[in-house]
Amino acid sequence: MNNLGQMMKKAQQMQAKMAEMQKKLEEVEITGSSGGGMVQVTVNGKGEMRAIKIDPSLLDPNEVEVLEDLIAASANDAKAKVEAQLSEEMSKITGGLQLPGGLKLPF
């Protein structure tokens, strides 16, 4: 029974650490960019978009598709950075314990 009690205690500690990490992620801002930094998208750690910056030289009505592609690329870059940071934070919490494929925490 002692092992079960210890396991439950560790699970509660991990749950508390995950809640703390989720709160921290809401405050973190990560910027993805494309076009040599001409387009930047800033998201929080939960992937919610906070800001977009576009170099004025890209505002050409004849080049709308280019701008759209750069915005999408910047958003994807920011998302990849968020996922990398989340993976790193989760690794700290789980002590390197590999989660089953397809299981994503805390979302």
C-alpha atoms as a PDB file:
ATOM      1  CA  MET A   1       0.000   0.000   0.000  1.00  0.00           C
ATOM      2  CA  ASN A   2       2.898   2.336   0.638  1.00  0.00           C
ATOM      3  CA  ASN A   3       3.848   2.276  -3.069  1.00  0.00           C
ATOM      4  CA  LEU A   4       0.300   3.202  -4.074  1.00  0.00           C
ATOM      5  CA  GLY A   5       0.335   6.126  -1.643  1.00  0.00           C
ATOM      6  CA  GLN A   6       3.656   7.348  -3.003  1.00  0.00           C
ATOM      7  CA  MET A   7       2.417   7.007  -6.561  1.00  0.00           C
ATOM      8  CA  MET A   8      -0.709   9.034  -5.753  1.00  0.00           C
ATOM      9  CA  LYS A   9       1.387  11.699  -4.065  1.00  0.00           C
ATOM     10  CA  LYS A  10       3.651  11.963  -7.140  1.00  0.00           C
ATOM     11  CA  ALA A  11       0.608  12.165  -9.405  1.00  0.00           C
ATOM     12  CA  GLN A  12      -0.781  15.046  -7.318  1.00  0.00           C
ATOM     13  CA  GLN A  13       2.573  16.836  -7.445  1.00  0.00           C
ATOM     14  CA  MET A  14       2.733  16.399 -11.215  1.00  0.00           C
ATOM     15  CA  GLN A  15      -0.830  17.709 -11.534  1.00  0.00           C
ATOM     16  CA  ALA A  16       0.069  20.805  -9.509  1.00  0.00           C
ATOM     17  CA  LYS A  17       3.175  21.387 -11.636  1.00  0.00           C
ATOM     18  CA  MET A  18       1.113  21.050 -14.824  1.00  0.00           C
ATOM     19  CA  ALA A  19      -1.417  23.606 -13.579  1.00  0.00           C
ATOM     20  CA  GLU A  20       1.447  25.971 -12.787  1.00  0.00           C
ATOM     21  CA  MET A  21       2.943  25.379 -16.244  1.00  0.00           C
ATOM     22  CA  GLN A  22      -0.391  26.125 -17.944  1.00  0.00           C
ATOM     23  CA  LYS A  23      -0.640  29.423 -16.090  1.00  0.00           C
ATOM     24  CA  LYS A  24       2.947  30.265 -17.070  1.00  0.00           C
ATOM     25  CA  LEU A  25       2.253  29.438 -20.715  1.00  0.00           C
ATOM     26  CA  GLU A  26      -0.552  32.002 -20.838  1.00  0.00           C
ATOM     27  CA  GLU A  27       1.986  34.692 -19.928  1.00  0.00           C
ATOM     28  CA  VAL A  28       4.782  33.591 -22.296  1.00  0.00           C
ATOM     29  CA  GLU A  29       4.932  35.271 -25.693  1.00  0.00           C
ATOM     30  CA  ILE A  30       6.756  33.655 -28.594  1.00  0.00           C
ATOM     31  CA  THR A  31       7.347  35.261 -31.988  1.00  0.00           C
ATOM     32  CA  GLY A  32       7.577  33.411 -35.274  1.00  0.00           C
ATOM     33  CA  SER A  33       8.832  35.136 -38.396  1.00  0.00           C
ATOM     34  CA  SER A  34       9.231  34.735 -42.131  1.00  0.00           C
ATOM     35  CA  GLY A  35      10.554  36.730 -45.052  1.00  0.00           C
ATOM     36  CA  GLY A  36      13.733  37.554 -43.185  1.00  0.00           C
ATOM     37  CA  GLY A  37      11.725  39.011 -40.299  1.00  0.00           C
ATOM     38  CA  MET A  38       9.505  41.139 -42.527  1.00  0.00           C
ATOM     39  CA  VAL A  39       6.441  39.384 -41.105  1.00  0.00           C
ATOM     40  CA  GLN A  40       6.229  38.468 -37.429  1.00  0.00           C
ATOM     41  CA  VAL A  41       3.441  36.720 -35.559  1.00  0.00           C
ATOM     42  CA  THR A  42       3.451  36.688 -31.770  1.00  0.00           C
ATOM     43  CA  VAL A  43       1.471  34.052 -29.873  1.00  0.00           C
ATOM     44  CA  ASN A  44       1.201  33.120 -26.231  1.00  0.00           C
ATOM     45  CA  GLY A  45       2.220  29.714 -24.944  1.00  0.00           C
ATOM     46  CA  LYS A  46      -1.245  28.383 -25.634  1.00  0.00           C
ATOM     47  CA  GLY A  47      -1.010  29.344 -29.296  1.00  0.00           C
ATOM     48  CA  GLU A  48      -3.374  32.324 -29.079  1.00  0.00           C
ATOM     49  CA  MET A  49      -2.296  35.065 -31.470  1.00  0.00           C
ATOM     50  CA  ARG A  50      -1.324  38.297 -29.717  1.00  0.00           C
ATOM     51  CA  ALA A  51       0.195  40.460 -32.470  1.00  0.00           C
ATOM     52  CA  ILE A  52       1.166  40.634 -36.123  1.00  0.00           C
ATOM     53  CA  LYS A  53       3.855  42.964 -37.496  1.00  0.00           C
ATOM     54  CA  ILE A  54       4.217  43.501 -41.227  1.00  0.00           C
ATOM     55  CA  ASP A  55       6.974  45.481 -42.872  1.00  0.00           C
ATOM     56  CA  PRO A  56       5.260  48.297 -44.836  1.00  0.00           C
ATOM     57  CA  SER A  57       7.230  47.411 -47.966  1.00  0.00           C
ATOM     58  CA  LEU A  58       5.112  44.249 -48.247  1.00  0.00           C
ATOM     59  CA  LEU A  59       1.867  46.200 -48.583  1.00  0.00           C
ATOM     60  CA  ASP A  60       1.559  45.963 -52.336  1.00  0.00           C
ATOM     61  CA  PRO A  61      -1.989  45.254 -53.619  1.00  0.00           C
ATOM     62  CA  ASN A  62      -0.485  43.224 -56.470  1.00  0.00           C
ATOM     63  CA  GLU A  63       1.370  40.945 -54.048  1.00  0.00           C
ATOM     64  CA  VAL A  64      -1.405  39.956 -51.629  1.00  0.00           C
ATOM     65  CA  GLU A  65      -0.715  36.226 -52.049  1.00  0.00           C
ATOM     66  CA  VAL A  66       2.915  36.706 -51.005  1.00  0.00           C
ATOM     67  CA  LEU A  67       1.839  38.522 -47.850  1.00  0.00           C
ATOM     68  CA  GLU A  68      -0.731  35.829 -47.052  1.00  0.00           C
ATOM     69  CA  ASP A  69       1.921  33.119 -47.438  1.00  0.00           C
ATOM     70  CA  LEU A  70       4.344  35.006 -45.199  1.00  0.00           C
ATOM     71  CA  ILE A  71       1.698  35.449 -42.489  1.00  0.00           C
ATOM     72  CA  ALA A  72       0.862  31.734 -42.587  1.00  0.00           C
ATOM     73  CA  ALA A  73       4.560  30.813 -42.472  1.00  0.00           C
ATOM     74  CA  SER A  74       5.139  33.134 -39.495  1.00  0.00           C
ATOM     75  CA  ALA A  75       2.158  31.685 -37.628  1.00  0.00           C
ATOM     76  CA  ASN A  76       3.412  28.153 -38.279  1.00  0.00           C
ATOM     77  CA  ASP A  77       6.895  29.123 -37.092  1.00  0.00           C
ATOM     78  CA  ALA A  78       5.441  30.541 -33.864  1.00  0.00           C
ATOM     79  CA  LYS A  79       3.330  27.402 -33.362  1.00  0.00           C
ATOM     80  CA  ALA A  80       6.381  25.156 -33.809  1.00  0.00           C
ATOM     81  CA  LYS A  81       8.292  27.211 -31.231  1.00  0.00           C
ATOM     82  CA  VAL A  82       5.386  26.949 -28.760  1.00  0.00           C
ATOM     83  CA  GLU A  83       5.228  23.177 -29.238  1.00  0.00           C
ATOM     84  CA  ALA A  84       8.994  22.869 -28.703  1.00  0.00           C
ATOM     85  CA  GLN A  85       8.807  24.890 -25.502  1.00  0.00           C
ATOM     86  CA  LEU A  86       5.791  22.898 -24.300  1.00  0.00           C
ATOM     87  CA  SER A  87       7.638  19.654 -24.979  1.00  0.00           C
ATOM     88  CA  GLU A  88      10.637  20.912 -23.021  1.00  0.00           C
ATOM     89  CA  GLU A  89       8.468  21.979 -20.074  1.00  0.00           C
ATOM     90  CA  MET A  90       6.573  18.679 -20.098  1.00  0.00           C
ATOM     91  CA  SER A  91       9.860  16.796 -20.085  1.00  0.00           C
ATOM     92  CA  LYS A  92      10.841  18.670 -16.926  1.00  0.00           C
ATOM     93  CA  ILE A  93       7.546  17.798 -15.239  1.00  0.00           C
ATOM     94  CA  THR A  94       7.435  14.149 -16.240  1.00  0.00           C
ATOM     95  CA  GLY A  95      11.130  13.620 -15.600  1.00  0.00           C
ATOM     96  CA  GLY A  96      11.678  12.452 -19.162  1.00  0.00           C
ATOM     97  CA  LEU A  97       8.858   9.899 -18.976  1.00  0.00           C
ATOM     98  CA  GLN A  98       7.661   9.334 -22.534  1.00  0.00           C
ATOM     99  CA  LEU A  99       3.912   9.691 -22.968  1.00  0.00           C
ATOM    100  CA  PRO A 100       2.055   7.337 -25.306  1.00  0.00           C
ATOM    101  CA  GLY A 101       1.843   8.501 -28.926  1.00  0.00           C
ATOM    102  CA  GLY A 102      -1.014  10.918 -29.594  1.00  0.00           C
ATOM    103  CA  LEU A 103      -1.317  11.899 -25.926  1.00  0.00           C
ATOM    104  CA  LYS A 104      -0.690  15.607 -25.610  1.00  0.00           C
ATOM    105  CA  LEU A 105      -0.701  17.308 -22.263  1.00  0.00           C
ATOM    106  CA  PRO A 106      -1.839  19.703 -20.921  1.00  0.00           C
ATOM    107  CA  PHE A 107      -4.217  20.405 -23.823  1.00  0.00           C
END
